[in-house]
C-alpha atoms as a PDB file:
ATOM      1  CA  MET A   1       2.158  -4.712 -12.208  1.00  0.00           C
ATOM      2  CA  ASP A   2      -0.200  -5.263  -9.263  1.00  0.00           C
ATOM      3  CA  HIS A   3       1.300  -7.044  -6.275  1.00  0.00           C
ATOM      4  CA  ILE A   4      -0.759  -9.678  -4.415  1.00  0.00           C
ATOM      5  CA  LEU A   5       0.186 -11.133  -1.031  1.00  0.00           C
ATOM      6  CA  ILE A   6      -1.280 -14.618  -0.467  1.00  0.00           C
ATOM      7  CA  VAL A   7      -1.452 -15.716   3.181  1.00  0.00           C
ATOM      8  CA  GLU A   8      -2.233 -19.447   3.310  1.00  0.00           C
ATOM      9  CA  ASP A   9      -0.714 -22.175   5.475  1.00  0.00           C
ATOM     10  CA  GLU A  10      -1.654 -25.161   3.277  1.00  0.00           C
ATOM     11  CA  PRO A  11       1.365 -25.600   0.957  1.00  0.00           C
ATOM     12  CA  HIS A  12      -0.360 -27.127  -2.085  1.00  0.00           C
ATOM     13  CA  LEU A  13      -3.123 -24.534  -2.127  1.00  0.00           C
ATOM     14  CA  ARG A  14      -0.662 -21.685  -1.573  1.00  0.00           C
ATOM     15  CA  GLU A  15       1.503 -22.838  -4.481  1.00  0.00           C
ATOM     16  CA  ALA A  16      -1.509 -23.336  -6.752  1.00  0.00           C
ATOM     17  CA  LEU A  17      -2.828 -19.858  -5.977  1.00  0.00           C
ATOM     18  CA  GLN A  18       0.573 -18.306  -6.585  1.00  0.00           C
ATOM     19  CA  LEU A  19       0.922 -20.075  -9.928  1.00  0.00           C
ATOM     20  CA  ASN A  20      -2.530 -19.064 -11.166  1.00  0.00           C
ATOM     21  CA  PHE A  21      -2.186 -15.426 -10.172  1.00  0.00           C
ATOM     22  CA  GLU A  22       1.260 -15.250 -11.771  1.00  0.00           C
ATOM     23  CA  LEU A  23      -0.193 -16.710 -14.959  1.00  0.00           C
ATOM     24  CA  GLU A  24      -2.709 -13.836 -14.872  1.00  0.00           C
ATOM     25  CA  GLY A  25       0.198 -11.377 -14.856  1.00  0.00           C
ATOM     26  CA  TYR A  26       0.342 -10.433 -11.179  1.00  0.00           C
ATOM     27  CA  ARG A  27       3.421 -10.181  -8.990  1.00  0.00           C
ATOM     28  CA  VAL A  28       2.867 -12.548  -6.067  1.00  0.00           C
ATOM     29  CA  SER A  29       4.441 -13.027  -2.663  1.00  0.00           C
ATOM     30  CA  THR A  30       3.287 -15.555  -0.093  1.00  0.00           C
ATOM     31  CA  SER A  31       3.259 -16.197   3.622  1.00  0.00           C
ATOM     32  CA  SER A  32       2.318 -19.284   5.633  1.00  0.00           C
ATOM     33  CA  THR A  33       2.100 -17.875   9.181  1.00  0.00           C
ATOM     34  CA  GLY A  34       0.355 -14.950  10.795  1.00  0.00           C
ATOM     35  CA  ARG A  35       3.537 -13.384  12.114  1.00  0.00           C
ATOM     36  CA  SER A  36       5.347 -13.433   8.771  1.00  0.00           C
ATOM     37  CA  ALA A  37       2.198 -12.118   7.093  1.00  0.00           C
ATOM     38  CA  LEU A  38       2.134  -9.078   9.365  1.00  0.00           C
ATOM     39  CA  GLU A  39       5.791  -8.383   8.605  1.00  0.00           C
ATOM     40  CA  LYS A  40       5.225  -8.564   4.849  1.00  0.00           C
ATOM     41  CA  ILE A  41       2.077  -6.427   5.011  1.00  0.00           C
ATOM     42  CA  ARG A  42       4.038  -3.738   6.836  1.00  0.00           C
ATOM     43  CA  THR A  43       7.032  -3.806   4.497  1.00  0.00           C
ATOM     44  CA  GLN A  44       5.965  -4.866   1.005  1.00  0.00           C
ATOM     45  CA  ASN A  45       3.131  -2.447   0.085  1.00  0.00           C
ATOM     46  CA  ALA A  46       0.983  -5.103  -1.592  1.00  0.00           C
ATOM     47  CA  ASP A  47      -2.011  -3.969  -3.661  1.00  0.00           C
ATOM     48  CA  LEU A  48      -4.217  -6.835  -2.425  1.00  0.00           C
ATOM     49  CA  ILE A  49      -4.063  -9.335   0.441  1.00  0.00           C
ATOM     50  CA  ILE A  50      -5.699 -12.748   0.076  1.00  0.00           C
ATOM     51  CA  LEU A  51      -5.989 -13.904   3.668  1.00  0.00           C
ATOM     52  CA  ASP A  52      -6.824 -17.243   5.281  1.00  0.00           C
ATOM     53  CA  VAL A  53      -8.322 -17.098   8.764  1.00  0.00           C
ATOM     54  CA  MET A  54      -6.952 -20.234  10.399  1.00  0.00           C
ATOM     55  CA  LEU A  55      -3.202 -19.628  10.459  1.00  0.00           C
ATOM     56  CA  PRO A  56      -0.351 -20.703  12.756  1.00  0.00           C
ATOM     57  CA  GLY A  57       0.357 -18.154  15.458  1.00  0.00           C
ATOM     58  CA  ILE A  58      -1.824 -15.159  14.593  1.00  0.00           C
ATOM     59  CA  ASP A  59      -5.183 -15.801  12.908  1.00  0.00           C
ATOM     60  CA  GLY A  60      -6.431 -13.880   9.902  1.00  0.00           C
ATOM     61  CA  PHE A  61      -9.094 -11.931  11.785  1.00  0.00           C
ATOM     62  CA  THR A  62      -6.461 -10.631  14.216  1.00  0.00           C
ATOM     63  CA  ILE A  63      -4.189  -9.699  11.311  1.00  0.00           C
ATOM     64  CA  CYS A  64      -7.005  -7.711   9.710  1.00  0.00           C
ATOM     65  CA  GLU A  65      -7.862  -5.905  12.959  1.00  0.00           C
ATOM     66  CA  THR A  66      -4.189  -5.152  13.604  1.00  0.00           C
ATOM     67  CA  ILE A  67      -3.385  -3.591  10.239  1.00  0.00           C
ATOM     68  CA  ARG A  68      -6.630  -1.616  10.116  1.00  0.00           C
ATOM     69  CA  ALA A  69      -5.732  -0.152  13.524  1.00  0.00           C
ATOM     70  CA  GLU A  70      -2.404   0.849  11.963  1.00  0.00           C
ATOM     71  CA  GLN A  71      -4.301   2.598   9.130  1.00  0.00           C
ATOM     72  CA  VAL A  72      -3.144   0.103   6.492  1.00  0.00           C
ATOM     73  CA  LEU A  73      -5.947   0.280   3.919  1.00  0.00           C
ATOM     74  CA  THR A  74      -4.801  -2.410   1.479  1.00  0.00           C
ATOM     75  CA  PRO A  75      -7.857  -4.409   0.313  1.00  0.00           C
ATOM     76  CA  ILE A  76      -8.324  -7.771   2.046  1.00  0.00           C
ATOM     77  CA  LEU A  77     -10.073 -10.752   0.497  1.00  0.00           C
ATOM     78  CA  PHE A  78     -10.718 -13.446   3.096  1.00  0.00           C
ATOM     79  CA  LEU A  79     -10.365 -16.927   1.603  1.00  0.00           C
ATOM     80  CA  THR A  80     -11.221 -19.436   4.302  1.00  0.00           C
ATOM     81  CA  ALA A  81     -13.037 -22.575   5.396  1.00  0.00           C
ATOM     82  CA  LYS A  82     -14.583 -20.540   8.227  1.00  0.00           C
ATOM     83  CA  ASN A  83     -17.570 -19.690   6.075  1.00  0.00           C
ATOM     84  CA  THR A  84     -20.571 -19.355   8.365  1.00  0.00           C
ATOM     85  CA  SER A  85     -22.736 -16.268   8.207  1.00  0.00           C
ATOM     86  CA  ALA A  86     -21.231 -15.109  11.511  1.00  0.00           C
ATOM     87  CA  ASP A  87     -17.696 -15.512  10.112  1.00  0.00           C
ATOM     88  CA  ARG A  88     -18.538 -13.521   6.993  1.00  0.00           C
ATOM     89  CA  VAL A  89     -20.150 -10.724   8.986  1.00  0.00           C
ATOM     90  CA  LYS A  90     -17.170 -10.569  11.357  1.00  0.00           C
ATOM     91  CA  GLY A  91     -14.645 -10.493   8.524  1.00  0.00           C
ATOM     92  CA  LEU A  92     -16.403  -7.605   6.802  1.00  0.00           C
ATOM     93  CA  ARG A  93     -17.121  -5.752  10.052  1.00  0.00           C
ATOM     94  CA  ILE A  94     -13.467  -5.656  11.130  1.00  0.00           C
ATOM     95  CA  GLY A  95     -12.280  -4.260   7.817  1.00  0.00           C
ATOM     96  CA  GLY A  96     -12.259  -7.029   5.206  1.00  0.00           C
ATOM     97  CA  ASP A  97     -13.338  -6.038   1.702  1.00  0.00           C
ATOM     98  CA  ASP A  98     -14.595  -9.398   0.435  1.00  0.00           C
ATOM     99  CA  PHE A  99     -15.114 -12.940   1.704  1.00  0.00           C
ATOM    100  CA  LEU A 100     -14.959 -16.218  -0.232  1.00  0.00           C
ATOM    101  CA  GLY A 101     -15.427 -19.612   1.405  1.00  0.00           C
ATOM    102  CA  LYS A 102     -13.538 -22.824   0.704  1.00  0.00           C
ATOM    103  CA  PRO A 103     -13.979 -24.802  -1.436  1.00  0.00           C
ATOM    104  CA  PHE A 104     -14.118 -22.085  -4.076  1.00  0.00           C
ATOM    105  CA  ASP A 105     -14.224 -21.641  -7.836  1.00  0.00           C
ATOM    106  CA  LEU A 106     -10.895 -20.374  -9.180  1.00  0.00           C
ATOM    107  CA  ASP A 107     -12.506 -18.152 -11.818  1.00  0.00           C
ATOM    108  CA  GLU A 108     -14.662 -16.524  -9.149  1.00  0.00           C
ATOM    109  CA  LEU A 109     -11.601 -15.854  -6.978  1.00  0.00           C
ATOM    110  CA  LEU A 110      -9.718 -14.308  -9.905  1.00  0.00           C
ATOM    111  CA  LEU A 111     -12.713 -12.104 -10.728  1.00  0.00           C
ATOM    112  CA  ARG A 112     -13.156 -10.935  -7.135  1.00  0.00           C
ATOM    113  CA  ALA A 113      -9.446 -10.144  -6.886  1.00  0.00           C
ATOM    114  CA  ARG A 114      -9.530  -8.238 -10.173  1.00  0.00           C
ATOM    115  CA  ASN A 115     -12.533  -6.197  -9.020  1.00  0.00           C
ATOM    116  CA  LEU A 116     -10.835  -5.226  -5.755  1.00  0.00           C
ATOM    117  CA  LEU A 117      -7.673  -4.188  -7.590  1.00  0.00           C
ATOM    118  CA  GLN A 118      -9.642  -2.109 -10.094  1.00  0.00           C
ATOM    119  CA  ARG A 119     -11.519  -0.409  -7.269  1.00  0.00           C
ATOM    120  CA  ARG A 120      -8.214   0.391  -5.530  1.00  0.00           C
ATOM    121  CA  SER A 121      -6.822   1.842  -8.760  1.00  0.00           C
ATOM    122  CA  VAL A 122      -9.825   4.155  -9.144  1.00  0.00           C
ATOM    123  CA  GLN A 123      -9.494   5.286  -5.534  1.00  0.00           C
ATOM    124  CA  LYS A 124      -5.775   6.056  -5.963  1.00  0.00           C
ATOM    125  CA  ASP A 125      -6.492   8.109  -9.095  1.00  0.00           C
ATOM    126  CA  GLY A 126      -9.566   9.923  -7.806  1.00  0.00           C
ATOM    127  CA  GLU A 127      -9.008  10.641  -4.122  1.00  0.00           C
ATOM    128  CA  SER A 128      -6.890  13.338  -2.586  1.00  0.00           C
ATOM    129  CA  ILE A 129      -5.903  11.244   0.451  1.00  0.00           C
ATOM    130  CA  VAL A 130      -2.751   9.195  -0.031  1.00  0.00           C
ATOM    131  CA  GLN A 131      -2.196   6.395   2.479  1.00  0.00           C
ATOM    132  CA  LEU A 132       1.318   5.221   3.294  1.00  0.00           C
ATOM    133  CA  SER A 133       2.314   2.406   5.627  1.00  0.00           C
ATOM    134  CA  SER A 134       3.395   4.992   8.204  1.00  0.00           C
ATOM    135  CA  GLY A 135       1.062   7.939   7.837  1.00  0.00           C
ATOM    136  CA  SER A 136      -0.988   9.752   5.220  1.00  0.00           C
ATOM    137  CA  PHE A 137      -1.433  13.098   3.515  1.00  0.00           C
ATOM    138  CA  ASP A 138      -4.409  14.920   2.050  1.00  0.00           C
ATOM    139  CA  LEU A 139      -3.515  16.904  -1.062  1.00  0.00           C
ATOM    140  CA  ASN A 140      -6.745  18.913  -0.998  1.00  0.00           C
ATOM    141  CA  ARG A 141      -6.755  19.836   2.693  1.00  0.00           C
ATOM    142  CA  PHE A 142      -2.963  20.413   2.950  1.00  0.00           C
ATOM    143  CA  ILE A 143      -2.735  18.103   5.970  1.00  0.00           C
ATOM    144  CA  ALA A 144      -0.442  15.188   6.788  1.00  0.00           C
ATOM    145  CA  VAL A 145      -0.589  12.616   9.573  1.00  0.00           C
ATOM    146  CA  ASP A 146       2.949  11.556  10.389  1.00  0.00           C
ATOM    147  CA  LEU A 147       4.253   8.165  11.554  1.00  0.00           C
ATOM    148  CA  HIS A 148       3.557   9.148  15.182  1.00  0.00           C
ATOM    149  CA  GLY A 149      -0.073   9.998  14.438  1.00  0.00           C
ATOM    150  CA  LYS A 150       0.559  13.752  14.710  1.00  0.00           C
ATOM    151  CA  GLU A 151      -1.349  16.002  12.305  1.00  0.00           C
ATOM    152  CA  ARG A 152       0.809  18.511  10.422  1.00  0.00           C
ATOM    153  CA  SER A 153      -0.027  21.363   8.085  1.00  0.00           C
ATOM    154  CA  LEU A 154       1.561  21.188   4.649  1.00  0.00           C
ATOM    155  CA  SER A 155       2.734  24.205   2.663  1.00  0.00           C
ATOM    156  CA  LYS A 156       1.601  24.712  -0.926  1.00  0.00           C
ATOM    157  CA  ARG A 157       5.114  23.884  -2.106  1.00  0.00           C
ATOM    158  CA  GLU A 158       5.100  20.614  -0.160  1.00  0.00           C
ATOM    159  CA  VAL A 159       1.714  19.683  -1.624  1.00  0.00           C
ATOM    160  CA  ASP A 160       2.863  20.519  -5.153  1.00  0.00           C
ATOM    161  CA  ILE A 161       5.904  18.261  -4.781  1.00  0.00           C
ATOM    162  CA  LEU A 162       3.848  15.451  -3.252  1.00  0.00           C
ATOM    163  CA  ARG A 163       1.247  15.715  -5.999  1.00  0.00           C
ATOM    164  CA  LEU A 164       3.938  15.467  -8.672  1.00  0.00           C
ATOM    165  CA  LEU A 165       5.427  12.385  -7.004  1.00  0.00           C
ATOM    166  CA  VAL A 166       1.992  10.772  -6.549  1.00  0.00           C
ATOM    167  CA  ASN A 167       1.076  11.363 -10.197  1.00  0.00           C
ATOM    168  CA  ASN A 168       4.321   9.603 -11.165  1.00  0.00           C
ATOM    169  CA  GLU A 169       4.160   6.938  -8.441  1.00  0.00           C
ATOM    170  CA  GLY A 170       6.730   4.207  -9.018  1.00  0.00           C
ATOM    171  CA  GLN A 171       8.641   6.291 -11.568  1.00  0.00           C
ATOM    172  CA  VAL A 172      11.725   8.450 -11.183  1.00  0.00           C
ATOM    173  CA  VAL A 173      11.110  12.206 -11.225  1.00  0.00           C
ATOM    174  CA  THR A 174      14.265  14.208 -11.842  1.00  0.00           C
ATOM    175  CA  ARG A 175      15.276  17.131  -9.653  1.00  0.00           C
ATOM    176  CA  ASP A 176      15.147  19.446 -12.659  1.00  0.00           C
ATOM    177  CA  GLU A 177      11.589  18.342 -13.443  1.00  0.00           C
ATOM    178  CA  ILE A 178      10.521  19.021  -9.859  1.00  0.00           C
ATOM    179  CA  LEU A 179      12.118  22.471  -9.971  1.00  0.00           C
ATOM    180  CA  LYS A 180      10.528  23.421 -13.278  1.00  0.00           C
ATOM    181  CA  LYS A 181       7.024  22.134 -12.473  1.00  0.00           C
ATOM    182  CA  VAL A 182       6.872  23.363  -8.881  1.00  0.00           C
ATOM    183  CA  TRP A 183       8.929  26.581  -8.967  1.00  0.00           C
ATOM    184  CA  GLY A 184       8.518  27.442 -12.644  1.00  0.00           C
ATOM    185  CA  TYR A 185      11.034  28.240 -15.361  1.00  0.00           C
ATOM    186  CA  HIS A 186      11.897  31.765 -14.260  1.00  0.00           C
ATOM    187  CA  VAL A 187      12.806  31.296 -10.605  1.00  0.00           C
ATOM    188  CA  LEU A 188      14.856  28.182 -10.042  1.00  0.00           C
ATOM    189  CA  PRO A 189      16.448  27.498  -6.648  1.00  0.00           C
ATOM    190  CA  SER A 190      19.236  24.969  -6.324  1.00  0.00           C
ATOM    191  CA  THR A 191      18.561  21.253  -6.505  1.00  0.00           C
ATOM    192  CA  ARG A 192      19.559  21.128  -2.838  1.00  0.00           C
ATOM    193  CA  THR A 193      16.250  22.814  -2.069  1.00  0.00           C
ATOM    194  CA  VAL A 194      14.391  19.793  -3.457  1.00  0.00           C
ATOM    195  CA  ASP A 195      16.584  17.485  -1.385  1.00  0.00           C
ATOM    196  CA  ASN A 196      15.598  19.362   1.763  1.00  0.00           C
ATOM    197  CA  TYR A 197      11.892  18.892   1.047  1.00  0.00           C
ATOM    198  CA  ILE A 198      12.419  15.152   0.562  1.00  0.00           C
ATOM    199  CA  LEU A 199      14.319  14.998   3.856  1.00  0.00           C
ATOM    200  CA  THR A 200      11.319  16.634   5.526  1.00  0.00           C
ATOM    201  CA  PHE A 201       8.938  14.064   4.029  1.00  0.00           C
ATOM    202  CA  ARG A 202      11.177  11.293   5.322  1.00  0.00           C
ATOM    203  CA  ARG A 203      11.083  12.766   8.819  1.00  0.00           C
ATOM    204  CA  TYR A 204       7.290  12.742   8.598  1.00  0.00           C
ATOM    205  CA  PHE A 205       6.772   9.278   7.143  1.00  0.00           C
ATOM    206  CA  GLU A 206       9.854   7.058   7.336  1.00  0.00           C
ATOM    207  CA  HIS A 207      10.630   4.969  10.420  1.00  0.00           C
ATOM    208  CA  ASP A 208      14.257   4.893   9.260  1.00  0.00           C
ATOM    209  CA  PRO A 209      15.023   7.883   6.996  1.00  0.00           C
ATOM    210  CA  LYS A 210      18.318   6.262   5.997  1.00  0.00           C
ATOM    211  CA  GLU A 211      16.425   3.209   4.670  1.00  0.00           C
ATOM    212  CA  PRO A 212      13.278   4.790   3.207  1.00  0.00           C
ATOM    213  CA  LYS A 213      10.331   2.670   2.083  1.00  0.00           C
ATOM    214  CA  HIS A 214       8.414   5.456   0.337  1.00  0.00           C
ATOM    215  CA  PHE A 215      10.668   8.407  -0.642  1.00  0.00           C
ATOM    216  CA  HIS A 216      13.580   6.889  -2.551  1.00  0.00           C
ATOM    217  CA  SER A 217      16.667   8.701  -3.831  1.00  0.00           C
ATOM    218  CA  ILE A 218      17.947   7.773  -7.287  1.00  0.00           C
ATOM    219  CA  ARG A 219      21.540   8.874  -7.057  1.00  0.00           C
ATOM    220  CA  GLY A 220      22.416  11.673  -9.453  1.00  0.00           C
ATOM    221  CA  VAL A 221      18.905  11.750 -10.958  1.00  0.00           C
ATOM    222  CA  GLY A 222      16.000  12.449  -8.636  1.00  0.00           C
ATOM    223  CA  TYR A 223      13.363  10.783  -6.519  1.00  0.00           C
ATOM    224  CA  LYS A 224      10.738   8.065  -6.665  1.00  0.00           C
ATOM    225  CA  LEU A 225       7.650   7.614  -4.480  1.00  0.00           C
ATOM    226  CA  THR A 226       6.426   4.128  -3.587  1.00  0.00           C
ATOM    227  CA  ILE A 227       2.962   4.000  -2.030  1.00  0.00           C
END
């Protein structure tokens, strides 16, 4: 289920948007201030952000510039009364993916949101670069950029494990399945070997390895990747 974050300070509009997107089958979270929006963008891994510009505290343009500087590539649809040509150009130039002025047609908003989500799905399936909230890795070039911005070379084994987790994103992959698909049926190391690789990924990408946001342990079973 795709997750949409709606950032809108007007309560009635925010509630109406949430209701309509939920009726379309999306999981929705909301924010009414710029500061809380930044926190949720950094922690919730939304698939789409619908972003007002005029917000209390931090405006929507600043939010967009901030998260793009942090390499957060989640699609952004600006939904705002600031709808001059200069506003639209600025929103797209700083990293927005679409721009819809208020007042707006609900069906048009739903269609634009659906198109952005479909485009993101195609990119996730077709590209080798996987973007996390705290780094990225390229499965074709065997390169990772860790949470400190440092580029690291990945071994073939690391890439094979990452590829398996990416292909099953959001689902639990057992330790035995990782061993069989990465090492093969004839030479099986201990499951502790898999644990050590996951610990390495956490050192690369998790701000707090004890409270991971991407590489999750499922006790007694295996691991799950959340992008």
